Structures are given as C-alpha cells and as structure tokens.
Amino acid sequence: MTTAVKSQQVKTFGECSKQLLAINDSLDLLRGKWKIHVIGALTFGKKRFKEVQREIPGITAKMLSKELKDLEINELVLRTVHNTTPVTVEYELTEYGQTLEKVIEELRAWGVKHRKRIIKKSA
C-alpha cells in the first residue's frame, strides 16, 4: 500500500470519526422516549404545559417537566412566565430549537414510508 493511500485512509477515518462524534452529540441531546415528541409538539407554536402534555399521550407531568427543563438548558426551548393570576407559563422553541424542525419532519416522513412498507410486507 502506498503512502498516499494510507494517508487518504487516515483522513477518511478521521473524517468518519468526526461525523460519528457529531451524530453522537445529536443523539445524546435528543435521546430518550419523549424529547423528540416535545419538540414536535412545540413546532406548532407556543403552548402551555397542559397543552403539551395533552398532545403527547402517555407522558407524565413529572417526565414532561424534566424534558422541558433539559431542552431549556440546551437552549432549544424558551420558558416564559406571564405575570397573571394564576401565573401562566408558556413554552416555545427558540430560534435554535427551530433548526430541528427539518430533522423532525424528515423523521416523520421516513416513519410514514417505513410504516407503509412494513404493513404492505405483512399483508
């Protein structure tokens, strides 16, 4: 094997490692059963806590609260407290969080195609 080929393999391996690291970072942030659901629910605009919870069947208030806090820490969700009686709290995607809308849409589209393929295969 020539030095040029070995050098190219090292560059390719290094680039692959960087890409896999980036994928790992993304998955670490979105990992879990509920985060993508929460982001998906908020792509339709501002929502109060109970509205988000109603849109995600099966999520508990405790888990939703945890996921919203985590998404807020990672600058994907903005929590706004309104000075009303009783206090009103709204959640929305930040501008940064909105950059995930394409990812969510691609996952949805792929999921629709996959479901059709599996149903067709089992029929």
PDB file of N, CA and C in Angstrom:
ATOM      1  N   MET A   1       0.846  -1.176   0.000  1.00  0.00           N
ATOM      2  CA  MET A   1       0.000   0.000   0.000  1.00  0.00           C
ATOM      3  C   MET A   1       0.891   1.238   0.000  1.00  0.00           C
ATOM      4  N   THR A   2       0.543   2.176  -0.846  1.00  0.00           N
ATOM      5  CA  THR A   2       1.365   3.377  -0.955  1.00  0.00           C
ATOM      6  C   THR A   2       1.095   4.319   0.210  1.00  0.00           C
ATOM      7  N   THR A   3       2.027   5.220   0.409  1.00  0.00           N
ATOM      8  CA  THR A   3       1.885   6.213   1.471  1.00  0.00           C
ATOM      9  C   THR A   3       0.670   7.102   1.220  1.00  0.00           C
ATOM     10  N   ALA A   4       0.412   7.428  -0.051  1.00  0.00           N
ATOM     11  CA  ALA A   4      -0.736   8.275  -0.393  1.00  0.00           C
ATOM     12  C   ALA A   4      -2.048   7.589  -0.024  1.00  0.00           C
ATOM     13  N   VAL A   5      -2.138   6.284  -0.294  1.00  0.00           N
ATOM     14  CA  VAL A   5      -3.359   5.541   0.044  1.00  0.00           C
ATOM     15  C   VAL A   5      -3.532   5.482   1.548  1.00  0.00           C
ATOM     16  N   LYS A   6      -2.437   5.196   2.283  1.00  0.00           N
ATOM     17  CA  LYS A   6      -2.521   5.157   3.747  1.00  0.00           C
ATOM     18  C   LYS A   6      -2.942   6.516   4.300  1.00  0.00           C
ATOM     19  N   SER A   7      -2.384   7.576   3.733  1.00  0.00           N
ATOM     20  CA  SER A   7      -2.723   8.924   4.171  1.00  0.00           C
ATOM     21  C   SER A   7      -4.201   9.213   3.936  1.00  0.00           C
ATOM     22  N   GLN A   8      -4.719   8.799   2.786  1.00  0.00           N
ATOM     23  CA  GLN A   8      -6.138   9.003   2.464  1.00  0.00           C
ATOM     24  C   GLN A   8      -7.029   8.215   3.426  1.00  0.00           C
ATOM     25  N   GLN A   9      -6.602   6.986   3.772  1.00  0.00           N
ATOM     26  CA  GLN A   9      -7.380   6.181   4.706  1.00  0.00           C
ATOM     27  C   GLN A   9      -7.436   6.843   6.081  1.00  0.00           C
ATOM     28  N   VAL A  10      -6.321   7.404   6.515  1.00  0.00           N
ATOM     29  CA  VAL A  10      -6.286   8.086   7.811  1.00  0.00           C
ATOM     30  C   VAL A  10      -7.206   9.304   7.780  1.00  0.00           C
ATOM     31  N   LYS A  11      -7.172  10.080   6.680  1.00  0.00           N
ATOM     32  CA  LYS A  11      -8.045  11.242   6.553  1.00  0.00           C
ATOM     33  C   LYS A  11      -9.509  10.809   6.566  1.00  0.00           C
ATOM     34  N   THR A  12      -9.811   9.736   5.827  1.00  0.00           N
ATOM     35  CA  THR A  12     -11.184   9.239   5.777  1.00  0.00           C
ATOM     36  C   THR A  12     -11.629   8.773   7.155  1.00  0.00           C
ATOM     37  N   PHE A  13     -10.758   8.039   7.850  1.00  0.00           N
ATOM     38  CA  PHE A  13     -11.089   7.571   9.192  1.00  0.00           C
ATOM     39  C   PHE A  13     -11.304   8.753  10.125  1.00  0.00           C
ATOM     40  N   GLY A  14     -10.418   9.752  10.032  1.00  0.00           N
ATOM     41  CA  GLY A  14     -10.558  10.933  10.875  1.00  0.00           C
ATOM     42  C   GLY A  14     -11.852  11.676  10.600  1.00  0.00           C
ATOM     43  N   GLU A  15     -12.208  11.799   9.333  1.00  0.00           N
ATOM     44  CA  GLU A  15     -13.456  12.482   8.960  1.00  0.00           C
ATOM     45  C   GLU A  15     -14.658  11.672   9.438  1.00  0.00           C
ATOM     46  N   CYS A  16     -14.577  10.357   9.288  1.00  0.00           N
ATOM     47  CA  CYS A  16     -15.665   9.482   9.753  1.00  0.00           C
ATOM     48  C   CYS A  16     -15.847   9.634  11.264  1.00  0.00           C
ATOM     49  N   SER A  17     -14.744   9.649  11.997  1.00  0.00           N
ATOM     50  CA  SER A  17     -14.813   9.807  13.450  1.00  0.00           C
ATOM     51  C   SER A  17     -15.473  11.129  13.835  1.00  0.00           C
ATOM     52  N   LYS A  18     -15.131  12.199  13.110  1.00  0.00           N
ATOM     53  CA  LYS A  18     -15.737  13.499  13.380  1.00  0.00           C
ATOM     54  C   LYS A  18     -17.239  13.464  13.116  1.00  0.00           C
ATOM     55  N   GLN A  19     -17.626  12.818  12.019  1.00  0.00           N
ATOM     56  CA  GLN A  19     -19.051  12.723  11.677  1.00  0.00           C
ATOM     57  C   GLN A  19     -19.795  11.901  12.724  1.00  0.00           C
ATOM     58  N   LEU A  20     -19.198  10.793  13.146  1.00  0.00           N
ATOM     59  CA  LEU A  20     -19.834   9.951  14.160  1.00  0.00           C
ATOM     60  C   LEU A  20     -19.930  10.674  15.501  1.00  0.00           C
ATOM     61  N   LEU A  21     -18.928  11.475  15.815  1.00  0.00           N
ATOM     62  CA  LEU A  21     -18.967  12.266  17.041  1.00  0.00           C
ATOM     63  C   LEU A  21     -20.115  13.270  16.989  1.00  0.00           C
ATOM     64  N   ALA A  22     -20.291  13.911  15.837  1.00  0.00           N
ATOM     65  CA  ALA A  22     -21.385  14.870  15.669  1.00  0.00           C
ATOM     66  C   ALA A  22     -22.740  14.173  15.804  1.00  0.00           C
ATOM     67  N   ILE A  23     -22.865  12.988  15.208  1.00  0.00           N
ATOM     68  CA  ILE A  23     -24.111  12.213  15.328  1.00  0.00           C
ATOM     69  C   ILE A  23     -24.344  11.843  16.782  1.00  0.00           C
ATOM     70  N   ASN A  24     -23.296  11.421  17.466  1.00  0.00           N
ATOM     71  CA  ASN A  24     -23.406  11.055  18.878  1.00  0.00           C
ATOM     72  C   ASN A  24     -23.863  12.243  19.720  1.00  0.00           C
ATOM     73  N   ASP A  25     -23.309  13.430  19.435  1.00  0.00           N
ATOM     74  CA  ASP A  25     -23.723  14.640  20.166  1.00  0.00           C
ATOM     75  C   ASP A  25     -25.218  14.898  19.975  1.00  0.00           C
ATOM     76  N   SER A  26     -25.684  14.752  18.736  1.00  0.00           N
ATOM     77  CA  SER A  26     -27.099  14.970  18.434  1.00  0.00           C
ATOM     78  C   SER A  26     -27.969  13.967  19.170  1.00  0.00           C
ATOM     79  N   LEU A  27     -27.574  12.707  19.111  1.00  0.00           N
ATOM     80  CA  LEU A  27     -28.362  11.665  19.776  1.00  0.00           C
ATOM     81  C   LEU A  27     -28.355  11.826  21.289  1.00  0.00           C
ATOM     82  N   ASP A  28     -27.233  12.250  21.855  1.00  0.00           N
ATOM     83  CA  ASP A  28     -27.186  12.489  23.302  1.00  0.00           C
ATOM     84  C   ASP A  28     -28.215  13.539  23.709  1.00  0.00           C
ATOM     85  N   LEU A  29     -28.330  14.587  22.920  1.00  0.00           N
ATOM     86  CA  LEU A  29     -29.271  15.656  23.233  1.00  0.00           C
ATOM     87  C   LEU A  29     -30.715  15.201  23.068  1.00  0.00           C
ATOM     88  N   LEU A  30     -30.984  14.406  22.036  1.00  0.00           N
ATOM     89  CA  LEU A  30     -32.363  14.015  21.724  1.00  0.00           C
ATOM     90  C   LEU A  30     -32.737  12.638  22.272  1.00  0.00           C
ATOM     91  N   ARG A  31     -31.825  12.014  22.981  1.00  0.00           N
ATOM     92  CA  ARG A  31     -32.027  10.662  23.495  1.00  0.00           C
ATOM     93  C   ARG A  31     -33.233  10.590  24.427  1.00  0.00           C
ATOM     94  N   GLY A  32     -33.849   9.456  24.422  1.00  0.00           N
ATOM     95  CA  GLY A  32     -34.974   9.220  25.304  1.00  0.00           C
ATOM     96  C   GLY A  32     -36.269   9.107  24.521  1.00  0.00           C
ATOM     97  N   LYS A  33     -37.272   8.719  25.220  1.00  0.00           N
ATOM     98  CA  LYS A  33     -38.567   8.434  24.591  1.00  0.00           C
ATOM     99  C   LYS A  33     -39.338   9.702  24.231  1.00  0.00           C
ATOM    100  N   TRP A  34     -39.088  10.814  24.931  1.00  0.00           N
ATOM    101  CA  TRP A  34     -40.015  11.934  24.851  1.00  0.00           C
ATOM    102  C   TRP A  34     -39.504  13.218  24.214  1.00  0.00           C
ATOM    103  N   LYS A  35     -38.204  13.449  24.173  1.00  0.00           N
ATOM    104  CA  LYS A  35     -37.702  14.756  23.726  1.00  0.00           C
ATOM    105  C   LYS A  35     -38.163  15.123  22.319  1.00  0.00           C
ATOM    106  N   ILE A  36     -38.071  14.178  21.406  1.00  0.00           N
ATOM    107  CA  ILE A  36     -38.484  14.475  20.034  1.00  0.00           C
ATOM    108  C   ILE A  36     -39.984  14.756  19.986  1.00  0.00           C
ATOM    109  N   HIS A  37     -40.752  14.070  20.811  1.00  0.00           N
ATOM    110  CA  HIS A  37     -42.190  14.334  20.878  1.00  0.00           C
ATOM    111  C   HIS A  37     -42.460  15.761  21.364  1.00  0.00           C
ATOM    112  N   VAL A  38     -41.725  16.185  22.383  1.00  0.00           N
ATOM    113  CA  VAL A  38     -41.914  17.526  22.937  1.00  0.00           C
ATOM    114  C   VAL A  38     -41.551  18.570  21.882  1.00  0.00           C
ATOM    115  N   ILE A  39     -40.417  18.377  21.224  1.00  0.00           N
ATOM    116  CA  ILE A  39     -40.009  19.311  20.172  1.00  0.00           C
ATOM    117  C   ILE A  39     -41.055  19.332  19.062  1.00  0.00           C
ATOM    118  N   GLY A  40     -41.530  18.155  18.681  1.00  0.00           N
ATOM    119  CA  GLY A  40     -42.560  18.069  17.647  1.00  0.00           C
ATOM    120  C   GLY A  40     -43.824  18.816  18.030  1.00  0.00           C
ATOM    121  N   ALA A  41     -44.248  18.683  19.278  1.00  0.00           N
ATOM    122  CA  ALA A  41     -45.453  19.377  19.744  1.00  0.00           C
ATOM    123  C   ALA A  41     -45.263  20.893  19.707  1.00  0.00           C
ATOM    124  N   LEU A  42     -44.051  21.343  19.998  1.00  0.00           N
ATOM    125  CA  LEU A  42     -43.793  22.783  20.043  1.00  0.00           C
ATOM    126  C   LEU A  42     -43.511  23.385  18.667  1.00  0.00           C
ATOM    127  N   THR A  43     -43.385  22.546  17.636  1.00  0.00           N
ATOM    128  CA  THR A  43     -43.184  23.102  16.293  1.00  0.00           C
ATOM    129  C   THR A  43     -44.433  23.820  15.810  1.00  0.00           C
ATOM    130  N   PHE A  44     -45.557  23.585  16.471  1.00  0.00           N
ATOM    131  CA  PHE A  44     -46.810  24.222  16.071  1.00  0.00           C
ATOM    132  C   PHE A  44     -47.059  25.528  16.817  1.00  0.00           C
ATOM    133  N   GLY A  45     -46.074  25.966  17.596  1.00  0.00           N
ATOM    134  CA  GLY A  45     -46.200  27.244  18.285  1.00  0.00           C
ATOM    135  C   GLY A  45     -46.180  27.115  19.795  1.00  0.00           C
ATOM    136  N   LYS A  46     -46.352  28.271  20.458  1.00  0.00           N
ATOM    137  CA  LYS A  46     -46.337  28.340  21.923  1.00  0.00           C
ATOM    138  C   LYS A  46     -47.434  27.474  22.502  1.00  0.00           C
ATOM    139  N   LYS A  47     -47.096  26.826  23.619  1.00  0.00           N
ATOM    140  CA  LYS A  47     -48.090  26.005  24.310  1.00  0.00           C
ATOM    141  C   LYS A  47     -47.853  26.087  25.809  1.00  0.00           C
ATOM    142  N   ARG A  48     -48.952  25.985  26.537  1.00  0.00           N
ATOM    143  CA  ARG A  48     -48.857  25.875  27.976  1.00  0.00           C
ATOM    144  C   ARG A  48     -48.551  24.421  28.322  1.00  0.00           C
ATOM    145  N   PHE A  49     -48.112  24.201  29.545  1.00  0.00           N
ATOM    146  CA  PHE A  49     -47.674  22.876  29.988  1.00  0.00           C
ATOM    147  C   PHE A  49     -48.723  21.808  29.698  1.00  0.00           C
ATOM    148  N   LYS A  50     -49.955  22.044  30.122  1.00  0.00           N
ATOM    149  CA  LYS A  50     -51.027  21.048  29.948  1.00  0.00           C
ATOM    150  C   LYS A  50     -51.328  20.801  28.473  1.00  0.00           C
ATOM    151  N   GLU A  51     -51.176  21.817  27.637  1.00  0.00           N
ATOM    152  CA  GLU A  51     -51.401  21.637  26.199  1.00  0.00           C
ATOM    153  C   GLU A  51     -50.361  20.689  25.613  1.00  0.00           C
ATOM    154  N   VAL A  52     -49.118  20.873  26.027  1.00  0.00           N
ATOM    155  CA  VAL A  52     -48.057  19.974  25.556  1.00  0.00           C
ATOM    156  C   VAL A  52     -48.342  18.558  26.051  1.00  0.00           C
ATOM    157  N   GLN A  53     -48.709  18.439  27.314  1.00  0.00           N
ATOM    158  CA  GLN A  53     -48.975  17.114  27.888  1.00  0.00           C
ATOM    159  C   GLN A  53     -50.125  16.416  27.163  1.00  0.00           C
ATOM    160  N   ARG A  54     -51.176  17.151  26.817  1.00  0.00           N
ATOM    161  CA  ARG A  54     -52.315  16.548  26.097  1.00  0.00           C
ATOM    162  C   ARG A  54     -51.916  16.063  24.702  1.00  0.00           C
ATOM    163  N   GLU A  55     -50.959  16.727  24.088  1.00  0.00           N
ATOM    164  CA  GLU A  55     -50.542  16.359  22.741  1.00  0.00           C
ATOM    165  C   GLU A  55     -49.635  15.134  22.707  1.00  0.00           C
ATOM    166  N   ILE A  56     -49.115  14.739  23.860  1.00  0.00           N
ATOM    167  CA  ILE A  56     -48.185  13.606  23.909  1.00  0.00           C
ATOM    168  C   ILE A  56     -48.787  12.518  24.801  1.00  0.00           C
ATOM    169  N   PRO A  57     -49.569  11.630  24.223  1.00  0.00           N
ATOM    170  CA  PRO A  57     -50.201  10.576  25.014  1.00  0.00           C
ATOM    171  C   PRO A  57     -49.166   9.726  25.762  1.00  0.00           C
ATOM    172  N   GLY A  58     -49.417   9.524  27.039  1.00  0.00           N
ATOM    173  CA  GLY A  58     -48.570   8.650  27.836  1.00  0.00           C
ATOM    174  C   GLY A  58     -47.483   9.346  28.636  1.00  0.00           C
ATOM    175  N   ILE A  59     -47.200  10.603  28.358  1.00  0.00           N
ATOM    176  CA  ILE A  59     -46.150  11.288  29.114  1.00  0.00           C
ATOM    177  C   ILE A  59     -46.729  11.783  30.432  1.00  0.00           C
ATOM    178  N   THR A  60     -45.972  11.580  31.494  1.00  0.00           N
ATOM    179  CA  THR A  60     -46.421  12.055  32.808  1.00  0.00           C
ATOM    180  C   THR A  60     -45.984  13.512  32.988  1.00  0.00           C
ATOM    181  N   ALA A  61     -46.632  14.197  33.917  1.00  0.00           N
ATOM    182  CA  ALA A  61     -46.278  15.588  34.200  1.00  0.00           C
ATOM    183  C   ALA A  61     -44.832  15.685  34.677  1.00  0.00           C
ATOM    184  N   LYS A  62     -44.414  14.736  35.492  1.00  0.00           N
ATOM    185  CA  LYS A  62     -43.046  14.741  36.013  1.00  0.00           C
ATOM    186  C   LYS A  62     -42.035  14.589  34.869  1.00  0.00           C
ATOM    187  N   MET A  63     -42.293  13.671  33.948  1.00  0.00           N
ATOM    188  CA  MET A  63     -41.375  13.451  32.829  1.00  0.00           C
ATOM    189  C   MET A  63     -41.378  14.642  31.878  1.00  0.00           C
ATOM    190  N   LEU A  64     -42.551  15.213  31.614  1.00  0.00           N
ATOM    191  CA  LEU A  64     -42.624  16.384  30.736  1.00  0.00           C
ATOM    192  C   LEU A  64     -41.843  17.544  31.339  1.00  0.00           C
ATOM    193  N   SER A  65     -41.994  17.749  32.638  1.00  0.00           N
ATOM    194  CA  SER A  65     -41.269  18.814  33.319  1.00  0.00           C
ATOM    195  C   SER A  65     -39.760  18.607  33.182  1.00  0.00           C
ATOM    196  N   LYS A  66     -39.303  17.380  33.379  1.00  0.00           N
ATOM    197  CA  LYS A  66     -37.879  17.052  33.254  1.00  0.00           C
ATOM    198  C   LYS A  66     -37.385  17.322  31.833  1.00  0.00           C
ATOM    199  N   GLU A  67     -38.143  16.871  30.843  1.00  0.00           N
ATOM    200  CA  GLU A  67     -37.719  17.034  29.449  1.00  0.00           C
ATOM    201  C   GLU A  67     -37.707  18.508  29.050  1.00  0.00           C
ATOM    202  N   LEU A  68     -38.707  19.266  29.474  1.00  0.00           N
ATOM    203  CA  LEU A  68     -38.735  20.698  29.166  1.00  0.00           C
ATOM    204  C   LEU A  68     -37.547  21.424  29.794  1.00  0.00           C
ATOM    205  N   LYS A  69     -37.209  21.075  31.043  1.00  0.00           N
ATOM    206  CA  LYS A  69     -36.052  21.696  31.698  1.00  0.00           C
ATOM    207  C   LYS A  69     -34.770  21.374  30.947  1.00  0.00           C
ATOM    208  N   ASP A  70     -34.624  20.120  30.530  1.00  0.00           N
ATOM    209  CA  ASP A  70     -33.430  19.705  29.800  1.00  0.00           C
ATOM    210  C   ASP A  70     -33.334  20.430  28.457  1.00  0.00           C
ATOM    211  N   LEU A  71     -34.446  20.542  27.765  1.00  0.00           N
ATOM    212  CA  LEU A  71     -34.455  21.251  26.481  1.00  0.00           C
ATOM    213  C   LEU A  71     -34.195  22.744  26.674  1.00  0.00           C
ATOM    214  N   GLU A  72     -34.656  23.293  27.785  1.00  0.00           N
ATOM    215  CA  GLU A  72     -34.398  24.707  28.090  1.00  0.00           C
ATOM    216  C   GLU A  72     -32.909  24.922  28.387  1.00  0.00           C
ATOM    217  N   ILE A  73     -32.303  24.022  29.148  1.00  0.00           N
ATOM    218  CA  ILE A  73     -30.874  24.114  29.460  1.00  0.00           C
ATOM    219  C   ILE A  73     -30.043  24.076  28.173  1.00  0.00           C
ATOM    220  N   ASN A  74     -30.498  23.282  27.209  1.00  0.00           N
ATOM    221  CA  ASN A  74     -29.770  23.145  25.948  1.00  0.00           C
ATOM    222  C   ASN A  74     -30.188  24.181  24.912  1.00  0.00           C
ATOM    223  N   GLU A  75     -30.932  25.195  25.350  1.00  0.00           N
ATOM    224  CA  GLU A  75     -31.309  26.352  24.538  1.00  0.00           C
ATOM    225  C   GLU A  75     -32.204  26.007  23.347  1.00  0.00           C
ATOM    226  N   LEU A  76     -32.981  24.936  23.485  1.00  0.00           N
ATOM    227  CA  LEU A  76     -33.910  24.559  22.423  1.00  0.00           C
ATOM    228  C   LEU A  76     -35.320  25.050  22.706  1.00  0.00           C
ATOM    229  N   VAL A  77     -35.633  25.228  23.978  1.00  0.00           N
ATOM    230  CA  VAL A  77     -36.973  25.649  24.398  1.00  0.00           C
ATOM    231  C   VAL A  77     -36.859  26.881  25.281  1.00  0.00           C
ATOM    232  N   LEU A  78     -37.783  27.801  25.062  1.00  0.00           N
ATOM    233  CA  LEU A  78     -37.866  29.011  25.877  1.00  0.00           C
ATOM    234  C   LEU A  78     -39.092  28.894  26.779  1.00  0.00           C
ATOM    235  N   ARG A  79     -38.886  29.135  28.054  1.00  0.00           N
ATOM    236  CA  ARG A  79     -39.966  29.117  29.042  1.00  0.00           C
ATOM    237  C   ARG A  79     -40.265  30.560  29.405  1.00  0.00           C
ATOM    238  N   THR A  80     -41.526  30.961  29.211  1.00  0.00           N
ATOM    239  CA  THR A  80     -41.927  32.333  29.515  1.00  0.00           C
ATOM    240  C   THR A  80     -42.992  32.303  30.598  1.00  0.00           C
ATOM    241  N   VAL A  81     -42.724  33.029  31.695  1.00  0.00           N
ATOM    242  CA  VAL A  81     -43.671  33.132  32.798  1.00  0.00           C
ATOM    243  C   VAL A  81     -44.374  34.475  32.671  1.00  0.00           C
ATOM    244  N   HIS A  82     -45.714  34.422  32.566  1.00  0.00           N
ATOM    245  CA  HIS A  82     -46.508  35.642  32.462  1.00  0.00           C
ATOM    246  C   HIS A  82     -47.042  36.005  33.844  1.00  0.00           C
ATOM    247  N   ASN A  83     -46.999  37.284  34.157  1.00  0.00           N
ATOM    248  CA  ASN A  83     -47.432  37.773  35.458  1.00  0.00           C
ATOM    249  C   ASN A  83     -48.957  37.922  35.476  1.00  0.00           C
ATOM    250  N   THR A  84     -49.609  36.789  35.519  1.00  0.00           N
ATOM    251  CA  THR A  84     -51.072  36.762  35.570  1.00  0.00           C
ATOM    252  C   THR A  84     -51.495  36.041  36.836  1.00  0.00           C
ATOM    253  N   THR A  85     -52.789  36.082  37.114  1.00  0.00           N
ATOM    254  CA  THR A  85     -53.325  35.331  38.250  1.00  0.00           C
ATOM    255  C   THR A  85     -54.338  34.336  37.721  1.00  0.00           C
ATOM    256  N   PRO A  86     -54.107  33.057  37.837  1.00  0.00           N
ATOM    257  CA  PRO A  86     -52.863  32.425  38.286  1.00  0.00           C
ATOM    258  C   PRO A  86     -51.756  32.624  37.253  1.00  0.00           C
ATOM    259  N   VAL A  87     -50.531  32.334  37.664  1.00  0.00           N
ATOM    260  CA  VAL A  87     -49.363  32.501  36.796  1.00  0.00           C
ATOM    261  C   VAL A  87     -49.508  31.608  35.563  1.00  0.00           C
ATOM    262  N   THR A  88     -49.230  32.163  34.410  1.00  0.00           N
ATOM    263  CA  THR A  88     -49.284  31.410  33.156  1.00  0.00           C
ATOM    264  C   THR A  88     -47.863  31.188  32.667  1.00  0.00           C
ATOM    265  N   VAL A  89     -47.559  29.942  32.309  1.00  0.00           N
ATOM    266  CA  VAL A  89     -46.239  29.607  31.781  1.00  0.00           C
ATOM    267  C   VAL A  89     -46.429  29.033  30.386  1.00  0.00           C
ATOM    268  N   GLU A  90     -45.672  29.560  29.433  1.00  0.00           N
ATOM    269  CA  GLU A  90     -45.729  29.069  28.053  1.00  0.00           C
ATOM    270  C   GLU A  90     -44.355  28.570  27.634  1.00  0.00           C
ATOM    271  N   TYR A  91     -44.370  27.600  26.753  1.00  0.00           N
ATOM    272  CA  TYR A  91     -43.144  27.039  26.206  1.00  0.00           C
ATOM    273  C   TYR A  91     -43.184  27.186  24.694  1.00  0.00           C
ATOM    274  N   GLU A  92     -42.017  27.464  24.131  1.00  0.00           N
ATOM    275  CA  GLU A  92     -41.907  27.546  22.680  1.00  0.00           C
ATOM    276  C   GLU A  92     -40.486  27.189  22.280  1.00  0.00           C
ATOM    277  N   LEU A  93     -40.332  26.802  21.026  1.00  0.00           N
ATOM    278  CA  LEU A  93     -38.993  26.532  20.528  1.00  0.00           C
ATOM    279  C   LEU A  93     -38.251  27.848  20.363  1.00  0.00           C
ATOM    280  N   THR A  94     -36.991  27.848  20.724  1.00  0.00           N
ATOM    281  CA  THR A  94     -36.152  29.003  20.458  1.00  0.00           C
ATOM    282  C   THR A  94     -35.823  28.998  18.962  1.00  0.00           C
ATOM    283  N   GLU A  95     -35.190  30.053  18.505  1.00  0.00           N
ATOM    284  CA  GLU A  95     -34.748  30.092  17.104  1.00  0.00           C
ATOM    285  C   GLU A  95     -33.808  28.905  16.841  1.00  0.00           C
ATOM    286  N   TYR A  96     -32.958  28.627  17.803  1.00  0.00           N
ATOM    287  CA  TYR A  96     -32.043  27.490  17.697  1.00  0.00           C
ATOM    288  C   TYR A  96     -32.825  26.172  17.665  1.00  0.00           C
ATOM    289  N   GLY A  97     -33.838  26.048  18.522  1.00  0.00           N
ATOM    290  CA  GLY A  97     -34.671  24.849  18.546  1.00  0.00           C
ATOM    291  C   GLY A  97     -35.415  24.641  17.235  1.00  0.00           C
ATOM    292  N   GLN A  98     -35.775  25.730  16.584  1.00  0.00           N
ATOM    293  CA  GLN A  98     -36.484  25.632  15.307  1.00  0.00           C
ATOM    294  C   GLN A  98     -35.619  25.020  14.220  1.00  0.00           C
ATOM    295  N   THR A  99     -34.303  25.030  14.404  1.00  0.00           N
ATOM    296  CA  THR A  99     -33.430  24.404  13.413  1.00  0.00           C
ATOM    297  C   THR A  99     -33.627  22.892  13.384  1.00  0.00           C
ATOM    298  N   LEU A 100     -34.270  22.333  14.386  1.00  0.00           N
ATOM    299  CA  LEU A 100     -34.556  20.891  14.422  1.00  0.00           C
ATOM    300  C   LEU A 100     -35.839  20.527  13.676  1.00  0.00           C
ATOM    301  N   GLU A 101     -36.611  21.514  13.252  1.00  0.00           N
ATOM    302  CA  GLU A 101     -37.878  21.223  12.581  1.00  0.00           C
ATOM    303  C   GLU A 101     -37.674  20.371  11.331  1.00  0.00           C
ATOM    304  N   LYS A 102     -36.618  20.620  10.568  1.00  0.00           N
ATOM    305  CA  LYS A 102     -36.338  19.815   9.376  1.00  0.00           C
ATOM    306  C   LYS A 102     -36.029  18.371   9.759  1.00  0.00           C
ATOM    307  N   VAL A 103     -35.293  18.207  10.840  1.00  0.00           N
ATOM    308  CA  VAL A 103     -34.955  16.859  11.323  1.00  0.00           C
ATOM    309  C   VAL A 103     -36.227  16.122  11.720  1.00  0.00           C
ATOM    310  N   ILE A 104     -37.102  16.791  12.463  1.00  0.00           N
ATOM    311  CA  ILE A 104     -38.355  16.191  12.906  1.00  0.00           C
ATOM    312  C   ILE A 104     -39.216  15.835  11.693  1.00  0.00           C
ATOM    313  N   GLU A 105     -39.295  16.725  10.721  1.00  0.00           N
ATOM    314  CA  GLU A 105     -40.091  16.467   9.511  1.00  0.00           C
ATOM    315  C   GLU A 105     -39.531  15.280   8.736  1.00  0.00           C
ATOM    316  N   GLU A 106     -38.226  15.174   8.624  1.00  0.00           N
ATOM    317  CA  GLU A 106     -37.618  14.037   7.923  1.00  0.00           C
ATOM    318  C   GLU A 106     -37.892  12.732   8.665  1.00  0.00           C
ATOM    319  N   LEU A 107     -37.819  12.762   9.985  1.00  0.00           N
ATOM    320  CA  LEU A 107     -38.146  11.563  10.773  1.00  0.00           C
ATOM    321  C   LEU A 107     -39.602  11.157  10.568  1.00  0.00           C
ATOM    322  N   ARG A 108     -40.497  12.157  10.557  1.00  0.00           N
ATOM    323  CA  ARG A 108     -41.912  11.867  10.338  1.00  0.00           C
ATOM    324  C   ARG A 108     -42.131  11.252   8.962  1.00  0.00           C
ATOM    325  N   ALA A 109     -41.550  11.867   7.933  1.00  0.00           N
ATOM    326  CA  ALA A 109     -41.722  11.374   6.561  1.00  0.00           C
ATOM    327  C   ALA A 109     -41.154   9.964   6.419  1.00  0.00           C
ATOM    328  N   TRP A 110     -39.985   9.731   6.986  1.00  0.00           N
ATOM    329  CA  TRP A 110     -39.397   8.394   6.915  1.00  0.00           C
ATOM    330  C   TRP A 110     -40.271   7.388   7.654  1.00  0.00           C
ATOM    331  N   GLY A 111     -40.802   7.781   8.802  1.00  0.00           N
ATOM    332  CA  GLY A 111     -41.668   6.899   9.578  1.00  0.00           C
ATOM    333  C   GLY A 111     -42.932   6.510   8.821  1.00  0.00           C
ATOM    334  N   VAL A 112     -43.516   7.459   8.088  1.00  0.00           N
ATOM    335  CA  VAL A 112     -44.707   7.166   7.273  1.00  0.00           C
ATOM    336  C   VAL A 112     -44.363   6.141   6.203  1.00  0.00           C
ATOM    337  N   LYS A 113     -43.244   6.357   5.505  1.00  0.00           N
ATOM    338  CA  LYS A 113     -42.821   5.411   4.459  1.00  0.00           C
ATOM    339  C   LYS A 113     -42.523   4.035   5.045  1.00  0.00           C
ATOM    340  N   HIS A 114     -41.850   4.021   6.174  1.00  0.00           N
ATOM    341  CA  HIS A 114     -41.497   2.751   6.816  1.00  0.00           C
ATOM    342  C   HIS A 114     -42.751   1.977   7.238  1.00  0.00           C
ATOM    343  N   ARG A 115     -43.692   2.692   7.835  1.00  0.00           N
ATOM    344  CA  ARG A 115     -44.931   2.039   8.273  1.00  0.00           C
ATOM    345  C   ARG A 115     -45.667   1.421   7.084  1.00  0.00           C
ATOM    346  N   LYS A 116     -45.757   2.172   5.975  1.00  0.00           N
ATOM    347  CA  LYS A 116     -46.413   1.650   4.774  1.00  0.00           C
ATOM    348  C   LYS A 116     -45.697   0.411   4.257  1.00  0.00           C
ATOM    349  N   ARG A 117     -44.367   0.452   4.246  1.00  0.00           N
ATOM    350  CA  ARG A 117     -43.574  -0.670   3.761  1.00  0.00           C
ATOM    351  C   ARG A 117     -43.803  -1.910   4.620  1.00  0.00           C
ATOM    352  N   ILE A 118     -43.788  -1.755   5.929  1.00  0.00           N
ATOM    353  CA  ILE A 118     -43.972  -2.883   6.830  1.00  0.00           C
ATOM    354  C   ILE A 118     -45.376  -3.446   6.731  1.00  0.00           C
ATOM    355  N   ILE A 119     -46.376  -2.558   6.657  1.00  0.00           N
ATOM    356  CA  ILE A 119     -47.770  -3.013   6.531  1.00  0.00           C
ATOM    357  C   ILE A 119     -47.955  -3.750   5.223  1.00  0.00           C
ATOM    358  N   LYS A 120     -47.406  -3.217   4.135  1.00  0.00           N
ATOM    359  CA  LYS A 120     -47.516  -3.865   2.827  1.00  0.00           C
ATOM    360  C   LYS A 120     -46.838  -5.237   2.863  1.00  0.00           C
ATOM    361  N   LYS A 121     -45.704  -5.333   3.515  1.00  0.00           N
ATOM    362  CA  LYS A 121     -44.942  -6.583   3.600  1.00  0.00           C
ATOM    363  C   LYS A 121     -45.708  -7.643   4.389  1.00  0.00           C
ATOM    364  N   SER A 122     -46.410  -7.223   5.449  1.00  0.00           N
ATOM    365  CA  SER A 122     -47.124  -8.196   6.287  1.00  0.00           C
ATOM    366  C   SER A 122     -48.496  -8.569   5.721  1.00  0.00           C
ATOM    367  N   ALA A 123     -48.967  -7.814   4.721  1.00  0.00           N
ATOM    368  CA  ALA A 123     -50.295  -8.096   4.146  1.00  0.00           C
ATOM    369  C   ALA A 123     -50.264  -9.213   3.136  1.00  0.00           C
TER     370      ALA A 123
END
